[in-house]
Amino acid sequence: ALKWQGGEEQFIALEQLRNACPCASCCGEVDVMGRMHKGPDATLNEASYQVDQLRMVGGYAVQILWKDGHSAGLYSFDLLQQMRSDN
C-alpha cells in the first residue's frame, strides 16, 4: 500500500508490480541505433511475487528486491502513480 501526499491510499497487487517491472531485462531498452534489446522471458514462480526488501532510491523511486533474487527494476513514483490511474 502507498499513501500519497494528501492522504490518498493506493493498493497495488504484488503480481501487478512484478509484471510491470521496469528494468531493461523485463521491458527491454533501445540502443543508440534504435534497436530494442530485451532479456529472455523470466520463468516466474511463487517467490517471484514475494517481496524480500524495499529500498528508497533518492526521492524519486523504490527498488523492490523480490525473493527470487530479481532486483533490477526501479519503480519511479511517476510509474506508481500511473499504475493508480490504470486501476
N, C-alpha and C. Protein backbone atom coordinates (compact mmCIF):
# COMPACT_ATOMS: atom_id res chain seq x y z
N ALA A 1 0.84 -1.18 0.00
CA ALA A 1 0.00 0.00 0.00
C ALA A 1 0.89 1.24 0.00
N LEU A 2 0.44 2.24 -0.67
CA LEU A 2 1.13 3.53 -0.72
C LEU A 2 0.20 4.59 -0.18
N LYS A 3 0.77 5.57 0.49
CA LYS A 3 -0.02 6.71 0.95
C LYS A 3 0.62 7.96 0.37
N TRP A 4 -0.11 8.64 -0.51
CA TRP A 4 0.39 9.81 -1.22
C TRP A 4 0.15 11.06 -0.38
N GLN A 5 0.88 12.12 -0.74
CA GLN A 5 0.61 13.41 -0.10
C GLN A 5 -0.86 13.72 -0.33
N GLY A 6 -1.50 14.24 0.67
CA GLY A 6 -2.92 14.50 0.59
C GLY A 6 -3.73 13.38 1.22
N GLY A 7 -3.05 12.27 1.59
CA GLY A 7 -3.72 11.20 2.31
C GLY A 7 -4.31 10.09 1.47
N GLU A 8 -4.31 10.21 0.16
CA GLU A 8 -4.89 9.17 -0.69
C GLU A 8 -4.06 7.90 -0.60
N GLU A 9 -4.75 6.77 -0.43
CA GLU A 9 -4.07 5.48 -0.37
C GLU A 9 -4.25 4.73 -1.67
N GLN A 10 -3.24 3.97 -2.02
CA GLN A 10 -3.25 3.19 -3.26
C GLN A 10 -2.78 1.78 -2.93
N PHE A 11 -3.52 0.81 -3.40
CA PHE A 11 -3.15 -0.59 -3.21
C PHE A 11 -2.82 -1.18 -4.57
N ILE A 12 -1.64 -1.80 -4.66
CA ILE A 12 -1.21 -2.44 -5.90
C ILE A 12 -0.87 -3.88 -5.55
N ALA A 13 -1.47 -4.82 -6.25
CA ALA A 13 -1.17 -6.23 -6.02
C ALA A 13 0.28 -6.51 -6.38
N LEU A 14 0.91 -7.40 -5.62
CA LEU A 14 2.31 -7.75 -5.88
C LEU A 14 2.48 -8.32 -7.28
N GLU A 15 1.51 -9.08 -7.76
CA GLU A 15 1.58 -9.62 -9.11
C GLU A 15 1.63 -8.50 -10.14
N GLN A 16 0.82 -7.47 -9.92
CA GLN A 16 0.80 -6.34 -10.85
C GLN A 16 2.14 -5.61 -10.83
N LEU A 17 2.71 -5.42 -9.64
CA LEU A 17 4.01 -4.76 -9.54
C LEU A 17 5.10 -5.55 -10.26
N ARG A 18 5.16 -6.85 -10.00
CA ARG A 18 6.22 -7.66 -10.61
C ARG A 18 6.04 -7.73 -12.13
N ASN A 19 4.81 -7.88 -12.58
CA ASN A 19 4.56 -7.97 -14.02
C ASN A 19 4.85 -6.65 -14.73
N ALA A 20 4.88 -5.56 -13.98
CA ALA A 20 5.18 -4.24 -14.56
C ALA A 20 6.63 -3.83 -14.30
N CYS A 21 7.49 -4.78 -13.97
CA CYS A 21 8.89 -4.46 -13.66
C CYS A 21 9.49 -3.63 -14.79
N PRO A 22 10.02 -2.45 -14.45
CA PRO A 22 10.52 -1.53 -15.48
C PRO A 22 11.99 -1.74 -15.87
N CYS A 23 12.62 -2.81 -15.41
CA CYS A 23 14.05 -2.98 -15.72
C CYS A 23 14.26 -3.31 -17.20
N ALA A 24 15.47 -3.10 -17.66
CA ALA A 24 15.79 -3.33 -19.07
C ALA A 24 15.62 -4.79 -19.47
N SER A 25 15.89 -5.70 -18.55
CA SER A 25 15.75 -7.11 -18.88
C SER A 25 14.29 -7.49 -19.09
N CYS A 26 13.41 -6.95 -18.27
CA CYS A 26 11.98 -7.27 -18.38
C CYS A 26 11.28 -6.48 -19.48
N CYS A 27 11.58 -5.18 -19.58
CA CYS A 27 10.90 -4.30 -20.55
C CYS A 27 11.66 -4.12 -21.84
N GLY A 28 12.96 -4.29 -21.77
CA GLY A 28 13.79 -4.00 -22.93
C GLY A 28 14.25 -2.56 -22.89
N GLU A 29 15.27 -2.29 -23.69
CA GLU A 29 15.75 -0.92 -23.83
C GLU A 29 16.28 -0.74 -25.25
N VAL A 30 16.22 0.48 -25.72
CA VAL A 30 16.63 0.79 -27.09
C VAL A 30 18.07 1.29 -27.07
N ASP A 31 18.90 0.73 -27.97
CA ASP A 31 20.28 1.20 -28.06
C ASP A 31 20.37 2.45 -28.94
N VAL A 32 21.56 2.98 -29.11
CA VAL A 32 21.74 4.23 -29.87
C VAL A 32 21.36 4.08 -31.34
N MET A 33 21.30 2.85 -31.83
CA MET A 33 20.91 2.60 -33.22
C MET A 33 19.40 2.39 -33.36
N GLY A 34 18.68 2.46 -32.23
CA GLY A 34 17.24 2.31 -32.27
C GLY A 34 16.76 0.86 -32.19
N ARG A 35 17.67 -0.06 -31.90
CA ARG A 35 17.30 -1.47 -31.80
C ARG A 35 16.89 -1.80 -30.37
N MET A 36 15.84 -2.58 -30.24
CA MET A 36 15.34 -3.00 -28.93
C MET A 36 16.10 -4.24 -28.47
N HIS A 37 16.56 -4.20 -27.23
CA HIS A 37 17.22 -5.34 -26.61
C HIS A 37 16.45 -5.69 -25.34
N LYS A 38 16.16 -6.97 -25.18
CA LYS A 38 15.39 -7.43 -24.02
C LYS A 38 15.95 -8.77 -23.59
N GLY A 39 15.95 -9.01 -22.30
CA GLY A 39 16.40 -10.29 -21.78
C GLY A 39 15.38 -11.37 -22.10
N PRO A 40 15.75 -12.62 -21.87
CA PRO A 40 14.81 -13.72 -22.09
C PRO A 40 13.64 -13.60 -21.12
N ASP A 41 12.48 -14.08 -21.53
CA ASP A 41 11.33 -14.06 -20.65
C ASP A 41 11.64 -14.85 -19.39
N ALA A 42 11.37 -14.24 -18.26
CA ALA A 42 11.65 -14.87 -16.98
C ALA A 42 10.61 -15.94 -16.68
N THR A 43 11.06 -17.02 -16.07
CA THR A 43 10.14 -18.03 -15.56
C THR A 43 9.79 -17.61 -14.14
N LEU A 44 8.56 -17.20 -13.96
CA LEU A 44 8.13 -16.69 -12.66
C LEU A 44 7.55 -17.82 -11.82
N ASN A 45 7.79 -17.75 -10.52
CA ASN A 45 7.26 -18.73 -9.59
C ASN A 45 6.73 -18.00 -8.36
N GLU A 46 6.36 -18.74 -7.35
CA GLU A 46 5.77 -18.13 -6.16
C GLU A 46 6.68 -17.07 -5.55
N ALA A 47 7.98 -17.33 -5.49
CA ALA A 47 8.94 -16.37 -4.92
C ALA A 47 9.05 -15.10 -5.75
N SER A 48 8.67 -15.18 -7.03
CA SER A 48 8.74 -14.02 -7.91
C SER A 48 7.76 -12.93 -7.49
N TYR A 49 6.75 -13.30 -6.72
CA TYR A 49 5.72 -12.35 -6.30
C TYR A 49 5.78 -12.05 -4.81
N GLN A 50 6.90 -12.38 -4.17
CA GLN A 50 7.08 -12.10 -2.75
C GLN A 50 8.21 -11.09 -2.58
N VAL A 51 7.95 -10.07 -1.78
CA VAL A 51 8.94 -9.01 -1.55
C VAL A 51 9.89 -9.42 -0.43
N ASP A 52 11.18 -9.28 -0.70
CA ASP A 52 12.21 -9.52 0.31
C ASP A 52 12.56 -8.21 1.01
N GLN A 53 12.77 -7.13 0.21
CA GLN A 53 13.11 -5.82 0.76
C GLN A 53 12.58 -4.72 -0.15
N LEU A 54 12.39 -3.56 0.44
CA LEU A 54 12.08 -2.32 -0.30
C LEU A 54 13.17 -1.32 0.05
N ARG A 55 13.66 -0.60 -0.96
CA ARG A 55 14.66 0.43 -0.74
C ARG A 55 14.24 1.71 -1.45
N MET A 56 14.37 2.82 -0.76
CA MET A 56 14.15 4.12 -1.39
C MET A 56 15.35 4.42 -2.27
N VAL A 57 15.10 4.99 -3.44
CA VAL A 57 16.16 5.41 -4.36
C VAL A 57 15.99 6.91 -4.54
N GLY A 58 16.88 7.67 -3.90
CA GLY A 58 16.75 9.12 -3.94
C GLY A 58 15.37 9.51 -3.46
N GLY A 59 14.83 10.54 -4.08
CA GLY A 59 13.48 10.97 -3.75
C GLY A 59 12.51 10.70 -4.88
N TYR A 60 12.84 9.71 -5.73
CA TYR A 60 12.03 9.53 -6.93
C TYR A 60 11.58 8.10 -7.21
N ALA A 61 12.08 7.11 -6.47
CA ALA A 61 11.75 5.73 -6.83
C ALA A 61 11.89 4.79 -5.64
N VAL A 62 11.37 3.59 -5.84
CA VAL A 62 11.50 2.49 -4.89
C VAL A 62 12.10 1.31 -5.64
N GLN A 63 13.08 0.66 -5.03
CA GLN A 63 13.63 -0.56 -5.59
C GLN A 63 13.04 -1.72 -4.80
N ILE A 64 12.47 -2.67 -5.51
CA ILE A 64 11.90 -3.85 -4.86
C ILE A 64 12.86 -5.02 -5.08
N LEU A 65 13.26 -5.65 -4.00
CA LEU A 65 14.06 -6.85 -4.07
C LEU A 65 13.11 -8.02 -3.86
N TRP A 66 12.91 -8.80 -4.91
CA TRP A 66 11.98 -9.92 -4.87
C TRP A 66 12.68 -11.15 -4.32
N LYS A 67 11.91 -12.05 -3.73
CA LYS A 67 12.50 -13.25 -3.10
C LYS A 67 13.14 -14.20 -4.09
N ASP A 68 12.86 -14.07 -5.37
CA ASP A 68 13.52 -14.93 -6.37
C ASP A 68 14.87 -14.35 -6.79
N GLY A 69 15.27 -13.22 -6.18
CA GLY A 69 16.57 -12.62 -6.46
C GLY A 69 16.53 -11.48 -7.46
N HIS A 70 15.41 -11.25 -8.11
CA HIS A 70 15.32 -10.15 -9.08
C HIS A 70 15.23 -8.83 -8.33
N SER A 71 16.02 -7.83 -8.79
CA SER A 71 16.03 -6.55 -8.07
C SER A 71 16.42 -5.38 -8.96
N ALA A 72 16.40 -5.57 -10.27
CA ALA A 72 16.93 -4.55 -11.18
C ALA A 72 15.97 -3.39 -11.42
N GLY A 73 14.69 -3.57 -11.19
CA GLY A 73 13.72 -2.54 -11.52
C GLY A 73 13.63 -1.43 -10.50
N LEU A 74 13.63 -0.20 -10.97
CA LEU A 74 13.37 0.96 -10.12
C LEU A 74 11.98 1.47 -10.45
N TYR A 75 11.09 1.39 -9.50
CA TYR A 75 9.70 1.81 -9.68
C TYR A 75 9.60 3.28 -9.30
N SER A 76 9.63 4.14 -10.29
CA SER A 76 9.55 5.58 -10.02
C SER A 76 8.17 5.92 -9.46
N PHE A 77 8.10 7.00 -8.72
CA PHE A 77 6.81 7.43 -8.19
C PHE A 77 5.86 7.77 -9.33
N ASP A 78 6.39 8.29 -10.44
CA ASP A 78 5.55 8.55 -11.61
C ASP A 78 4.93 7.26 -12.13
N LEU A 79 5.72 6.19 -12.21
CA LEU A 79 5.20 4.90 -12.66
C LEU A 79 4.13 4.39 -11.71
N LEU A 80 4.38 4.49 -10.42
CA LEU A 80 3.40 4.03 -9.43
C LEU A 80 2.11 4.83 -9.52
N GLN A 81 2.21 6.14 -9.74
CA GLN A 81 1.01 6.96 -9.91
C GLN A 81 0.28 6.58 -11.18
N GLN A 82 1.02 6.25 -12.22
CA GLN A 82 0.41 5.81 -13.48
C GLN A 82 -0.35 4.49 -13.25
N MET A 83 0.19 3.62 -12.44
CA MET A 83 -0.50 2.37 -12.11
C MET A 83 -1.78 2.65 -11.35
N ARG A 84 -1.80 3.72 -10.58
CA ARG A 84 -3.01 4.11 -9.85
C ARG A 84 -4.10 4.48 -10.84
N SER A 85 -3.76 5.24 -11.87
CA SER A 85 -4.77 5.68 -12.82
C SER A 85 -5.19 4.56 -13.76
N ASP A 86 -4.36 3.48 -13.85
CA ASP A 86 -4.71 2.34 -14.69
C ASP A 86 -5.70 1.41 -14.01
N ASN A 87 -5.84 1.53 -12.68
CA ASN A 87 -6.75 0.62 -11.95
C ASN A 87 -8.18 0.99 -12.16
